[in-house]
Every structure is written in structure tokens, then in C-alpha cells.
Amino acid sequence: MFCYSNNGASMRAVDPDYVAQPGEVLFANYATEADLVEAFSGYAPAAPPPVTVLKSTVMARLTDAQMASAYAILTGEPKLFGKWFAPDRPVVNCNDPDAISFVNALGLDPAVILAP
């Protein structure tokens, strides 16, 4: 038996004789998204993760001349440079406005260059 609370965001296993407290809903099995939407008026399913592409893949799609232009743009904008070369972030969201502007500044198609 499973007890869901906090508008469906929290779940814990409970004994079969457990009595639900206010704001809790019991399910015999794991609840589906549909079960949670029905049981909790405030339930909001998690948003899907953003679509991303490896930055190395983006750079591999550039010619040598485009790479030189990319480097010039990045070194001219410290914030963009830092964002692009952040070692803890090897991917970029395909719909990231800064990435789209960067690719547009290179005269390239973001739908092609930033494709997953």
C-alpha cells in the first residue's frame, strides 16, 4: 500500500491497515500520472527534461572558418564564453536563446547546428 501526499509529490509505503490523514490518498499499487491527476487537484506532472545537444557535437558541425568566427564571438563576450566552456555543463539546450543567437551570429541554421 502506498500513501501519497503533498499534492502527489510525496509517496511512502505504508502498512495495509494505515488510515490516511487529511491530504493523503492511499493506493494499492504505485500511482500512475492519471491516478495522481485524478486524486490531487493541485498535481502537476513533472516537465519533461529539455532536449540537449553536446557542445562538442555543435562544434564538430562547424567548418574551420566557422570555428574561427565562433571563437571570435565567444572571446568577445565573456558571459557567453563562460557559459559555453563551463566544464560542469557539457550540453546546451537546443532551444537556449543564447545558443540560438550565437549560431545565428555565425550565419548558420540553429535547427541544424543545435539538433540533438
PDB file of N, CA and C in Angstrom:
ATOM      1  N   MET A   1       0.855  -1.168   0.000  1.00  0.00           N
ATOM      2  CA  MET A   1       0.000   0.000   0.000  1.00  0.00           C
ATOM      3  C   MET A   1       0.899   1.228   0.000  1.00  0.00           C
ATOM      4  N   PHE A   2       0.478   2.256  -0.728  1.00  0.00           N
ATOM      5  CA  PHE A   2       1.280   3.467  -0.860  1.00  0.00           C
ATOM      6  C   PHE A   2       0.448   4.685  -0.500  1.00  0.00           C
ATOM      7  N   CYS A   3       1.046   5.573   0.262  1.00  0.00           N
ATOM      8  CA  CYS A   3       0.392   6.796   0.698  1.00  0.00           C
ATOM      9  C   CYS A   3       1.028   7.970  -0.045  1.00  0.00           C
ATOM     10  N   TYR A   4       0.198   8.705  -0.766  1.00  0.00           N
ATOM     11  CA  TYR A   4       0.663   9.890  -1.490  1.00  0.00           C
ATOM     12  C   TYR A   4       0.134  11.127  -0.779  1.00  0.00           C
ATOM     13  N   SER A   5       0.967  12.151  -0.716  1.00  0.00           N
ATOM     14  CA  SER A   5       0.572  13.411  -0.097  1.00  0.00           C
ATOM     15  C   SER A   5       1.264  14.556  -0.833  1.00  0.00           C
ATOM     16  N   ASN A   6       1.152  15.768  -0.278  1.00  0.00           N
ATOM     17  CA  ASN A   6       1.822  16.928  -0.853  1.00  0.00           C
ATOM     18  C   ASN A   6       1.439  17.109  -2.323  1.00  0.00           C
ATOM     19  N   ASN A   7       0.130  17.023  -2.581  1.00  0.00           N
ATOM     20  CA  ASN A   7      -0.402  17.133  -3.954  1.00  0.00           C
ATOM     21  C   ASN A   7       0.203  16.120  -4.899  1.00  0.00           C
ATOM     22  N   GLY A   8       0.511  14.941  -4.383  1.00  0.00           N
ATOM     23  CA  GLY A   8       1.044  13.864  -5.220  1.00  0.00           C
ATOM     24  C   GLY A   8       2.547  13.882  -5.382  1.00  0.00           C
ATOM     25  N   ALA A   9       3.222  14.857  -4.782  1.00  0.00           N
ATOM     26  CA  ALA A   9       4.675  14.970  -4.938  1.00  0.00           C
ATOM     27  C   ALA A   9       5.439  14.062  -3.983  1.00  0.00           C
ATOM     28  N   SER A  10       4.781  13.597  -2.923  1.00  0.00           N
ATOM     29  CA  SER A  10       5.439  12.739  -1.939  1.00  0.00           C
ATOM     30  C   SER A  10       4.734  11.389  -1.873  1.00  0.00           C
ATOM     31  N   MET A  11       5.525  10.338  -1.682  1.00  0.00           N
ATOM     32  CA  MET A  11       4.963   8.995  -1.602  1.00  0.00           C
ATOM     33  C   MET A  11       5.777   8.183  -0.609  1.00  0.00           C
ATOM     34  N   ARG A  12       5.093   7.325   0.119  1.00  0.00           N
ATOM     35  CA  ARG A  12       5.784   6.391   1.008  1.00  0.00           C
ATOM     36  C   ARG A  12       4.962   5.114   1.105  1.00  0.00           C
ATOM     37  N   ALA A  13       5.640   4.028   1.374  1.00  0.00           N
ATOM     38  CA  ALA A  13       4.966   2.748   1.588  1.00  0.00           C
ATOM     39  C   ALA A  13       4.391   2.737   3.002  1.00  0.00           C
ATOM     40  N   VAL A  14       3.183   2.196   3.145  1.00  0.00           N
ATOM     41  CA  VAL A  14       2.539   2.110   4.450  1.00  0.00           C
ATOM     42  C   VAL A  14       1.962   0.711   4.638  1.00  0.00           C
ATOM     43  N   ASP A  15       1.691   0.376   5.885  1.00  0.00           N
ATOM     44  CA  ASP A  15       1.068  -0.914   6.197  1.00  0.00           C
ATOM     45  C   ASP A  15      -0.362  -0.942   5.669  1.00  0.00           C
ATOM     46  N   PRO A  16      -0.873  -2.134   5.383  1.00  0.00           N
ATOM     47  CA  PRO A  16      -2.239  -2.242   4.845  1.00  0.00           C
ATOM     48  C   PRO A  16      -3.322  -1.665   5.759  1.00  0.00           C
ATOM     49  N   ASP A  17      -3.059  -1.604   7.069  1.00  0.00           N
ATOM     50  CA  ASP A  17      -4.069  -1.074   7.985  1.00  0.00           C
ATOM     51  C   ASP A  17      -3.911   0.436   8.240  1.00  0.00           C
ATOM     52  N   TYR A  18      -3.024   1.080   7.527  1.00  0.00           N
ATOM     53  CA  TYR A  18      -2.791   2.511   7.705  1.00  0.00           C
ATOM     54  C   TYR A  18      -4.053   3.291   7.317  1.00  0.00           C
ATOM     55  N   VAL A  19      -4.376   4.303   8.113  1.00  0.00           N
ATOM     56  CA  VAL A  19      -5.522   5.171   7.838  1.00  0.00           C
ATOM     57  C   VAL A  19      -4.984   6.498   7.310  1.00  0.00           C
ATOM     58  N   ALA A  20      -5.451   6.880   6.133  1.00  0.00           N
ATOM     59  CA  ALA A  20      -4.979   8.117   5.514  1.00  0.00           C
ATOM     60  C   ALA A  20      -5.353   9.329   6.351  1.00  0.00           C
ATOM     61  N   GLN A  21      -4.416  10.252   6.457  1.00  0.00           N
ATOM     62  CA  GLN A  21      -4.621  11.516   7.162  1.00  0.00           C
ATOM     63  C   GLN A  21      -5.129  12.552   6.151  1.00  0.00           C
ATOM     64  N   PRO A  22      -5.631  13.698   6.647  1.00  0.00           N
ATOM     65  CA  PRO A  22      -6.094  14.735   5.705  1.00  0.00           C
ATOM     66  C   PRO A  22      -4.992  15.096   4.705  1.00  0.00           C
ATOM     67  N   GLY A  23      -5.349  15.152   3.444  1.00  0.00           N
ATOM     68  CA  GLY A  23      -4.404  15.493   2.384  1.00  0.00           C
ATOM     69  C   GLY A  23      -3.660  14.297   1.823  1.00  0.00           C
ATOM     70  N   GLU A  24      -3.913  13.106   2.369  1.00  0.00           N
ATOM     71  CA  GLU A  24      -3.262  11.894   1.889  1.00  0.00           C
ATOM     72  C   GLU A  24      -4.257  11.037   1.110  1.00  0.00           C
ATOM     73  N   VAL A  25      -3.730  10.289   0.146  1.00  0.00           N
ATOM     74  CA  VAL A  25      -4.547   9.361  -0.633  1.00  0.00           C
ATOM     75  C   VAL A  25      -3.798   8.036  -0.690  1.00  0.00           C
ATOM     76  N   LEU A  26      -4.519   6.950  -0.471  1.00  0.00           N
ATOM     77  CA  LEU A  26      -3.910   5.620  -0.484  1.00  0.00           C
ATOM     78  C   LEU A  26      -4.163   4.930  -1.814  1.00  0.00           C
ATOM     79  N   PHE A  27      -3.149   4.205  -2.283  1.00  0.00           N
ATOM     80  CA  PHE A  27      -3.253   3.397  -3.498  1.00  0.00           C
ATOM     81  C   PHE A  27      -2.697   2.013  -3.177  1.00  0.00           C
ATOM     82  N   ALA A  28      -3.316   0.983  -3.735  1.00  0.00           N
ATOM     83  CA  ALA A  28      -2.842  -0.383  -3.516  1.00  0.00           C
ATOM     84  C   ALA A  28      -1.504  -0.607  -4.220  1.00  0.00           C
ATOM     85  N   ASN A  29      -1.287   0.060  -5.345  1.00  0.00           N
ATOM     86  CA  ASN A  29      -0.049  -0.054  -6.128  1.00  0.00           C
ATOM     87  C   ASN A  29       0.495   1.346  -6.384  1.00  0.00           C
ATOM     88  N   TYR A  30       1.652   1.405  -7.025  1.00  0.00           N
ATOM     89  CA  TYR A  30       2.182   2.711  -7.409  1.00  0.00           C
ATOM     90  C   TYR A  30       1.151   3.453  -8.252  1.00  0.00           C
ATOM     91  N   ALA A  31       0.969   4.720  -7.959  1.00  0.00           N
ATOM     92  CA  ALA A  31       0.002   5.531  -8.706  1.00  0.00           C
ATOM     93  C   ALA A  31       0.587   5.946 -10.046  1.00  0.00           C
ATOM     94  N   THR A  32      -0.275   5.970 -11.054  1.00  0.00           N
ATOM     95  CA  THR A  32       0.122   6.464 -12.367  1.00  0.00           C
ATOM     96  C   THR A  32      -0.075   7.978 -12.397  1.00  0.00           C
ATOM     97  N   GLU A  33       0.437   8.618 -13.428  1.00  0.00           N
ATOM     98  CA  GLU A  33       0.209  10.063 -13.592  1.00  0.00           C
ATOM     99  C   GLU A  33      -1.290  10.352 -13.601  1.00  0.00           C
ATOM    100  N   ALA A  34      -2.054   9.520 -14.312  1.00  0.00           N
ATOM    101  CA  ALA A  34      -3.505   9.719 -14.399  1.00  0.00           C
ATOM    102  C   ALA A  34      -4.147   9.594 -13.017  1.00  0.00           C
ATOM    103  N   ASP A  35      -3.702   8.626 -12.205  1.00  0.00           N
ATOM    104  CA  ASP A  35      -4.234   8.469 -10.846  1.00  0.00           C
ATOM    105  C   ASP A  35      -3.983   9.722 -10.017  1.00  0.00           C
ATOM    106  N   LEU A  36      -2.777  10.259 -10.116  1.00  0.00           N
ATOM    107  CA  LEU A  36      -2.415  11.429  -9.321  1.00  0.00           C
ATOM    108  C   LEU A  36      -3.170  12.673  -9.770  1.00  0.00           C
ATOM    109  N   VAL A  37      -3.360  12.829 -11.063  1.00  0.00           N
ATOM    110  CA  VAL A  37      -4.130  13.971 -11.584  1.00  0.00           C
ATOM    111  C   VAL A  37      -5.565  13.893 -11.068  1.00  0.00           C
ATOM    112  N   GLU A  38      -6.119  12.682 -11.039  1.00  0.00           N
ATOM    113  CA  GLU A  38      -7.493  12.494 -10.566  1.00  0.00           C
ATOM    114  C   GLU A  38      -7.610  12.705  -9.052  1.00  0.00           C
ATOM    115  N   ALA A  39      -6.617  12.265  -8.298  1.00  0.00           N
ATOM    116  CA  ALA A  39      -6.688  12.314  -6.837  1.00  0.00           C
ATOM    117  C   ALA A  39      -6.331  13.672  -6.240  1.00  0.00           C
ATOM    118  N   PHE A  40      -5.465  14.435  -6.914  1.00  0.00           N
ATOM    119  CA  PHE A  40      -4.989  15.705  -6.366  1.00  0.00           C
ATOM    120  C   PHE A  40      -5.247  16.828  -7.371  1.00  0.00           C
ATOM    121  N   SER A  41      -6.104  17.770  -6.970  1.00  0.00           N
ATOM    122  CA  SER A  41      -6.420  18.874  -7.891  1.00  0.00           C
ATOM    123  C   SER A  41      -5.201  19.740  -8.179  1.00  0.00           C
ATOM    124  N   GLY A  42      -4.231  19.780  -7.260  1.00  0.00           N
ATOM    125  CA  GLY A  42      -3.039  20.600  -7.457  1.00  0.00           C
ATOM    126  C   GLY A  42      -1.867  19.860  -8.054  1.00  0.00           C
ATOM    127  N   TYR A  43      -2.089  18.602  -8.483  1.00  0.00           N
ATOM    128  CA  TYR A  43      -0.969  17.824  -9.013  1.00  0.00           C
ATOM    129  C   TYR A  43      -0.565  18.328 -10.387  1.00  0.00           C
ATOM    130  N   ALA A  44       0.732  18.514 -10.568  1.00  0.00           N
ATOM    131  CA  ALA A  44       1.268  18.918 -11.872  1.00  0.00           C
ATOM    132  C   ALA A  44       2.379  17.935 -12.238  1.00  0.00           C
ATOM    133  N   PRO A  45       2.187  17.164 -13.302  1.00  0.00           N
ATOM    134  CA  PRO A  45       3.247  16.232 -13.709  1.00  0.00           C
ATOM    135  C   PRO A  45       4.550  16.976 -13.969  1.00  0.00           C
ATOM    136  N   ALA A  46       5.635  16.298 -13.720  1.00  0.00           N
ATOM    137  CA  ALA A  46       6.944  16.898 -13.956  1.00  0.00           C
ATOM    138  C   ALA A  46       7.117  17.239 -15.427  1.00  0.00           C
ATOM    139  N   ALA A  47       7.733  18.364 -15.676  1.00  0.00           N
ATOM    140  CA  ALA A  47       8.004  18.759 -17.062  1.00  0.00           C
ATOM    141  C   ALA A  47       9.075  17.829 -17.635  1.00  0.00           C
ATOM    142  N   PRO A  48       8.951  17.513 -18.909  1.00  0.00           N
ATOM    143  CA  PRO A  48       9.985  16.662 -19.500  1.00  0.00           C
ATOM    144  C   PRO A  48      11.325  17.405 -19.510  1.00  0.00           C
ATOM    145  N   PRO A  49      12.409  16.675 -19.425  1.00  0.00           N
ATOM    146  CA  PRO A  49      13.709  17.346 -19.440  1.00  0.00           C
ATOM    147  C   PRO A  49      13.931  18.049 -20.781  1.00  0.00           C
ATOM    148  N   PRO A  50      14.706  19.117 -20.775  1.00  0.00           N
ATOM    149  CA  PRO A  50      14.941  19.825 -22.033  1.00  0.00           C
ATOM    150  C   PRO A  50      15.732  18.950 -23.011  1.00  0.00           C
ATOM    151  N   VAL A  51      15.509  19.191 -24.284  1.00  0.00           N
ATOM    152  CA  VAL A  51      16.268  18.494 -25.321  1.00  0.00           C
ATOM    153  C   VAL A  51      17.627  19.183 -25.410  1.00  0.00           C
ATOM    154  N   THR A  52      18.680  18.395 -25.350  1.00  0.00           N
ATOM    155  CA  THR A  52      20.023  18.960 -25.335  1.00  0.00           C
ATOM    156  C   THR A  52      20.888  18.352 -26.440  1.00  0.00           C
ATOM    157  N   VAL A  53      21.996  19.012 -26.670  1.00  0.00           N
ATOM    158  CA  VAL A  53      22.998  18.524 -27.613  1.00  0.00           C
ATOM    159  C   VAL A  53      24.363  18.779 -26.976  1.00  0.00           C
ATOM    160  N   LEU A  54      25.275  17.845 -27.162  1.00  0.00           N
ATOM    161  CA  LEU A  54      26.629  18.040 -26.653  1.00  0.00           C
ATOM    162  C   LEU A  54      27.264  19.251 -27.342  1.00  0.00           C
ATOM    163  N   LYS A  55      27.950  20.066 -26.585  1.00  0.00           N
ATOM    164  CA  LYS A  55      28.628  21.217 -27.171  1.00  0.00           C
ATOM    165  C   LYS A  55      29.702  20.762 -28.148  1.00  0.00           C
ATOM    166  N   SER A  56      30.325  19.638 -27.851  1.00  0.00           N
ATOM    167  CA  SER A  56      31.337  19.112 -28.781  1.00  0.00           C
ATOM    168  C   SER A  56      30.708  18.721 -30.111  1.00  0.00           C
ATOM    169  N   THR A  57      29.465  18.261 -30.086  1.00  0.00           N
ATOM    170  CA  THR A  57      28.763  17.925 -31.333  1.00  0.00           C
ATOM    171  C   THR A  57      28.486  19.193 -32.129  1.00  0.00           C
ATOM    172  N   VAL A  58      28.059  20.247 -31.413  1.00  0.00           N
ATOM    173  CA  VAL A  58      27.810  21.532 -32.085  1.00  0.00           C
ATOM    174  C   VAL A  58      29.089  22.005 -32.761  1.00  0.00           C
ATOM    175  N   MET A  59      30.194  21.977 -32.038  1.00  0.00           N
ATOM    176  CA  MET A  59      31.453  22.472 -32.590  1.00  0.00           C
ATOM    177  C   MET A  59      31.944  21.595 -33.750  1.00  0.00           C
ATOM    178  N   ALA A  60      31.693  20.314 -33.683  1.00  0.00           N
ATOM    179  CA  ALA A  60      32.101  19.416 -34.770  1.00  0.00           C
ATOM    180  C   ALA A  60      31.324  19.692 -36.053  1.00  0.00           C
ATOM    181  N   ARG A  61      30.191  20.335 -35.949  1.00  0.00           N
ATOM    182  CA  ARG A  61      29.376  20.654 -37.131  1.00  0.00           C
ATOM    183  C   ARG A  61      29.848  21.921 -37.834  1.00  0.00           C
ATOM    184  N   LEU A  62      30.849  22.592 -37.263  1.00  0.00           N
ATOM    185  CA  LEU A  62      31.343  23.831 -37.863  1.00  0.00           C
ATOM    186  C   LEU A  62      32.577  23.554 -38.709  1.00  0.00           C
ATOM    187  N   THR A  63      32.704  24.301 -39.789  1.00  0.00           N
ATOM    188  CA  THR A  63      33.920  24.234 -40.600  1.00  0.00           C
ATOM    189  C   THR A  63      35.027  24.990 -39.873  1.00  0.00           C
ATOM    190  N   ASP A  64      36.240  24.896 -40.367  1.00  0.00           N
ATOM    191  CA  ASP A  64      37.355  25.618 -39.743  1.00  0.00           C
ATOM    192  C   ASP A  64      37.092  27.127 -39.728  1.00  0.00           C
ATOM    193  N   ALA A  65      36.591  27.659 -40.839  1.00  0.00           N
ATOM    194  CA  ALA A  65      36.312  29.097 -40.911  1.00  0.00           C
ATOM    195  C   ALA A  65      35.204  29.481 -39.927  1.00  0.00           C
ATOM    196  N   GLN A  66      34.172  28.647 -39.831  1.00  0.00           N
ATOM    197  CA  GLN A  66      33.083  28.923 -38.888  1.00  0.00           C
ATOM    198  C   GLN A  66      33.587  28.819 -37.450  1.00  0.00           C
ATOM    199  N   MET A  67      34.509  27.898 -37.208  1.00  0.00           N
ATOM    200  CA  MET A  67      35.072  27.738 -35.872  1.00  0.00           C
ATOM    201  C   MET A  67      35.857  28.988 -35.479  1.00  0.00           C
ATOM    202  N   ALA A  68      36.583  29.555 -36.411  1.00  0.00           N
ATOM    203  CA  ALA A  68      37.332  30.785 -36.137  1.00  0.00           C
ATOM    204  C   ALA A  68      36.372  31.921 -35.790  1.00  0.00           C
ATOM    205  N   SER A  69      35.277  32.019 -36.524  1.00  0.00           N
ATOM    206  CA  SER A  69      34.270  33.047 -36.228  1.00  0.00           C
ATOM    207  C   SER A  69      33.630  32.795 -34.862  1.00  0.00           C
ATOM    208  N   ALA A  70      33.353  31.532 -34.570  1.00  0.00           N
ATOM    209  CA  ALA A  70      32.763  31.178 -33.273  1.00  0.00           C
ATOM    210  C   ALA A  70      33.693  31.587 -32.141  1.00  0.00           C
ATOM    211  N   TYR A  71      34.963  31.302 -32.296  1.00  0.00           N
ATOM    212  CA  TYR A  71      35.941  31.651 -31.264  1.00  0.00           C
ATOM    213  C   TYR A  71      35.998  33.162 -31.064  1.00  0.00           C
ATOM    214  N   ALA A  72      35.955  33.910 -32.163  1.00  0.00           N
ATOM    215  CA  ALA A  72      35.991  35.374 -32.073  1.00  0.00           C
ATOM    216  C   ALA A  72      34.755  35.896 -31.327  1.00  0.00           C
ATOM    217  N   ILE A  73      33.599  35.333 -31.622  1.00  0.00           N
ATOM    218  CA  ILE A  73      32.373  35.753 -30.930  1.00  0.00           C
ATOM    219  C   ILE A  73      32.468  35.418 -29.446  1.00  0.00           C
ATOM    220  N   LEU A  74      32.888  34.204 -29.134  1.00  0.00           N
ATOM    221  CA  LEU A  74      32.947  33.767 -27.739  1.00  0.00           C
ATOM    222  C   LEU A  74      33.953  34.579 -26.919  1.00  0.00           C
ATOM    223  N   THR A  75      35.113  34.876 -27.493  1.00  0.00           N
ATOM    224  CA  THR A  75      36.117  35.642 -26.741  1.00  0.00           C
ATOM    225  C   THR A  75      35.712  37.107 -26.596  1.00  0.00           C
ATOM    226  N   GLY A  76      34.813  37.558 -27.449  1.00  0.00           N
ATOM    227  CA  GLY A  76      34.320  38.928 -27.360  1.00  0.00           C
ATOM    228  C   GLY A  76      33.183  39.096 -26.367  1.00  0.00           C
ATOM    229  N   GLU A  77      32.627  38.009 -25.905  1.00  0.00           N
ATOM    230  CA  GLU A  77      31.509  38.061 -24.952  1.00  0.00           C
ATOM    231  C   GLU A  77      31.819  37.141 -23.768  1.00  0.00           C
ATOM    232  N   PRO A  78      32.425  37.687 -22.712  1.00  0.00           N
ATOM    233  CA  PRO A  78      32.851  36.853 -21.582  1.00  0.00           C
ATOM    234  C   PRO A  78      31.749  35.986 -20.970  1.00  0.00           C
ATOM    235  N   LYS A  79      30.533  36.523 -20.858  1.00  0.00           N
ATOM    236  CA  LYS A  79      29.439  35.739 -20.275  1.00  0.00           C
ATOM    237  C   LYS A  79      29.129  34.523 -21.149  1.00  0.00           C
ATOM    238  N   LEU A  80      29.062  34.722 -22.446  1.00  0.00           N
ATOM    239  CA  LEU A  80      28.792  33.621 -23.372  1.00  0.00           C
ATOM    240  C   LEU A  80      29.964  32.632 -23.368  1.00  0.00           C
ATOM    241  N   PHE A  81      31.180  33.156 -23.325  1.00  0.00           N
ATOM    242  CA  PHE A  81      32.361  32.296 -23.268  1.00  0.00           C
ATOM    243  C   PHE A  81      32.301  31.398 -22.035  1.00  0.00           C
ATOM    244  N   GLY A  82      32.013  31.996 -20.883  1.00  0.00           N
ATOM    245  CA  GLY A  82      31.925  31.232 -19.641  1.00  0.00           C
ATOM    246  C   GLY A  82      30.830  30.189 -19.681  1.00  0.00           C
ATOM    247  N   LYS A  83      29.699  30.557 -20.263  1.00  0.00           N
ATOM    248  CA  LYS A  83      28.584  29.616 -20.367  1.00  0.00           C
ATOM    249  C   LYS A  83      28.941  28.457 -21.293  1.00  0.00           C
ATOM    250  N   TRP A  84      29.598  28.777 -22.407  1.00  0.00           N
ATOM    251  CA  TRP A  84      29.906  27.754 -23.404  1.00  0.00           C
ATOM    252  C   TRP A  84      30.975  26.785 -22.916  1.00  0.00           C
ATOM    253  N   PHE A  85      31.957  27.303 -22.174  1.00  0.00           N
ATOM    254  CA  PHE A  85      33.078  26.468 -21.759  1.00  0.00           C
ATOM    255  C   PHE A  85      32.986  26.006 -20.303  1.00  0.00           C
ATOM    256  N   ALA A  86      31.837  26.110 -19.688  1.00  0.00           N
ATOM    257  CA  ALA A  86      31.664  25.633 -18.310  1.00  0.00           C
ATOM    258  C   ALA A  86      31.915  24.130 -18.277  1.00  0.00           C
ATOM    259  N   PRO A  87      32.930  23.677 -17.535  1.00  0.00           N
ATOM    260  CA  PRO A  87      33.295  22.257 -17.548  1.00  0.00           C
ATOM    261  C   PRO A  87      32.241  21.337 -16.940  1.00  0.00           C
ATOM    262  N   ASP A  88      31.378  21.880 -16.098  1.00  0.00           N
ATOM    263  CA  ASP A  88      30.350  21.047 -15.484  1.00  0.00           C
ATOM    264  C   ASP A  88      29.079  20.969 -16.316  1.00  0.00           C
ATOM    265  N   ARG A  89      29.086  21.579 -17.480  1.00  0.00           N
ATOM    266  CA  ARG A  89      27.887  21.620 -18.331  1.00  0.00           C
ATOM    267  C   ARG A  89      28.283  21.284 -19.765  1.00  0.00           C
ATOM    268  N   PRO A  90      28.403  19.984 -20.111  1.00  0.00           N
ATOM    269  CA  PRO A  90      28.855  19.598 -21.447  1.00  0.00           C
ATOM    270  C   PRO A  90      27.792  19.697 -22.541  1.00  0.00           C
ATOM    271  N   VAL A  91      26.565  20.033 -22.151  1.00  0.00           N
ATOM    272  CA  VAL A  91      25.486  20.120 -23.130  1.00  0.00           C
ATOM    273  C   VAL A  91      24.893  21.518 -23.137  1.00  0.00           C
ATOM    274  N   VAL A  92      24.161  21.804 -24.191  1.00  0.00           N
ATOM    275  CA  VAL A  92      23.407  23.046 -24.297  1.00  0.00           C
ATOM    276  C   VAL A  92      21.979  22.661 -24.684  1.00  0.00           C
ATOM    277  N   ASN A  93      21.012  23.372 -24.126  1.00  0.00           N
ATOM    278  CA  ASN A  93      19.628  23.136 -24.510  1.00  0.00           C
ATOM    279  C   ASN A  93      19.443  23.560 -25.958  1.00  0.00           C
ATOM    280  N   CYS A  94      18.757  22.746 -26.717  1.00  0.00           N
ATOM    281  CA  CYS A  94      18.565  23.029 -28.147  1.00  0.00           C
ATOM    282  C   CYS A  94      17.771  24.306 -28.377  1.00  0.00           C
ATOM    283  N   ASN A  95      16.998  24.740 -27.375  1.00  0.00           N
ATOM    284  CA  ASN A  95      16.203  25.963 -27.533  1.00  0.00           C
ATOM    285  C   ASN A  95      16.742  27.115 -26.688  1.00  0.00           C
ATOM    286  N   ASP A  96      18.000  27.006 -26.235  1.00  0.00           N
ATOM    287  CA  ASP A  96      18.617  28.059 -25.431  1.00  0.00           C
ATOM    288  C   ASP A  96      18.748  29.336 -26.261  1.00  0.00           C
ATOM    289  N   PRO A  97      18.159  30.439 -25.796  1.00  0.00           N
ATOM    290  CA  PRO A  97      18.204  31.685 -26.583  1.00  0.00           C
ATOM    291  C   PRO A  97      19.624  32.163 -26.885  1.00  0.00           C
ATOM    292  N   ASP A  98      20.539  32.023 -25.921  1.00  0.00           N
ATOM    293  CA  ASP A  98      21.924  32.450 -26.158  1.00  0.00           C
ATOM    294  C   ASP A  98      22.585  31.582 -27.225  1.00  0.00           C
ATOM    295  N   ALA A  99      22.340  30.290 -27.191  1.00  0.00           N
ATOM    296  CA  ALA A  99      22.921  29.382 -28.186  1.00  0.00           C
ATOM    297  C   ALA A  99      22.341  29.672 -29.568  1.00  0.00           C
ATOM    298  N   ILE A 100      21.056  29.927 -29.625  1.00  0.00           N
ATOM    299  CA  ILE A 100      20.412  30.239 -30.909  1.00  0.00           C
ATOM    300  C   ILE A 100      20.977  31.540 -31.471  1.00  0.00           C
ATOM    301  N   SER A 101      21.122  32.562 -30.621  1.00  0.00           N
ATOM    302  CA  SER A 101      21.702  33.838 -31.073  1.00  0.00           C
ATOM    303  C   SER A 101      23.133  33.650 -31.553  1.00  0.00           C
ATOM    304  N   PHE A 102      23.891  32.835 -30.825  1.00  0.00           N
ATOM    305  CA  PHE A 102      25.278  32.540 -31.188  1.00  0.00           C
ATOM    306  C   PHE A 102      25.341  31.893 -32.569  1.00  0.00           C
ATOM    307  N   VAL A 103      24.520  30.891 -32.800  1.00  0.00           N
ATOM    308  CA  VAL A 103      24.514  30.196 -34.096  1.00  0.00           C
ATOM    309  C   VAL A 103      24.020  31.128 -35.195  1.00  0.00           C
ATOM    310  N   ASN A 104      23.015  31.943 -34.900  1.00  0.00           N
ATOM    311  CA  ASN A 104      22.537  32.922 -35.885  1.00  0.00           C
ATOM    312  C   ASN A 104      23.635  33.923 -36.238  1.00  0.00           C
ATOM    313  N   ALA A 105      24.419  34.345 -35.234  1.00  0.00           N
ATOM    314  CA  ALA A 105      25.518  35.290 -35.481  1.00  0.00           C
ATOM    315  C   ALA A 105      26.566  34.694 -36.409  1.00  0.00           C
ATOM    316  N   LEU A 106      26.659  33.373 -36.422  1.00  0.00           N
ATOM    317  CA  LEU A 106      27.580  32.691 -37.339  1.00  0.00           C
ATOM    318  C   LEU A 106      26.985  32.556 -38.740  1.00  0.00           C
ATOM    319  N   GLY A 107      25.710  32.969 -38.880  1.00  0.00           N
ATOM    320  CA  GLY A 107      25.038  32.859 -40.175  1.00  0.00           C
ATOM    321  C   GLY A 107      24.588  31.434 -40.474  1.00  0.00           C
ATOM    322  N   LEU A 108      24.391  30.645 -39.420  1.00  0.00           N
ATOM    323  CA  LEU A 108      24.017  29.240 -39.589  1.00  0.00           C
ATOM    324  C   LEU A 108      22.598  28.987 -39.094  1.00  0.00           C
ATOM    325  N   ASP A 109      22.067  27.837 -39.433  1.00  0.00           N
ATOM    326  CA  ASP A 109      20.713  27.464 -39.061  1.00  0.00           C
ATOM    327  C   ASP A 109      20.723  26.757 -37.708  1.00  0.00           C
ATOM    328  N   PRO A 110      20.132  27.368 -36.663  1.00  0.00           N
ATOM    329  CA  PRO A 110      20.122  26.734 -35.356  1.00  0.00           C
ATOM    330  C   PRO A 110      19.432  25.350 -35.355  1.00  0.00           C
ATOM    331  N   ALA A 111      18.432  25.180 -36.207  1.00  0.00           N
ATOM    332  CA  ALA A 111      17.726  23.882 -36.259  1.00  0.00           C
ATOM    333  C   ALA A 111      18.670  22.774 -36.712  1.00  0.00           C
ATOM    334  N   VAL A 112      19.663  23.105 -37.483  1.00  0.00           N
ATOM    335  CA  VAL A 112      20.632  22.121 -37.954  1.00  0.00           C
ATOM    336  C   VAL A 112      21.799  22.001 -36.972  1.00  0.00           C
ATOM    337  N   ILE A 113      22.375  23.125 -36.578  1.00  0.00           N
ATOM    338  CA  ILE A 113      23.563  23.118 -35.733  1.00  0.00           C
ATOM    339  C   ILE A 113      23.249  22.645 -34.309  1.00  0.00           C
ATOM    340  N   LEU A 114      22.078  22.995 -33.794  1.00  0.00           N
ATOM    341  CA  LEU A 114      21.708  22.621 -32.430  1.00  0.00           C
ATOM    342  C   LEU A 114      20.812  21.392 -32.369  1.00  0.00           C
ATOM    343  N   ALA A 115      20.706  20.671 -33.457  1.00  0.00           N
ATOM    344  CA  ALA A 115      19.878  19.459 -33.467  1.00  0.00           C
ATOM    345  C   ALA A 115      20.476  18.418 -32.516  1.00  0.00           C
ATOM    346  N   PRO A 116      19.612  17.699 -31.798  1.00  0.00           N
ATOM    347  CA  PRO A 116      20.123  16.677 -30.860  1.00  0.00           C
ATOM    348  C   PRO A 116      20.819  15.531 -31.594  1.00  0.00           C
TER     349      PRO A 116
END
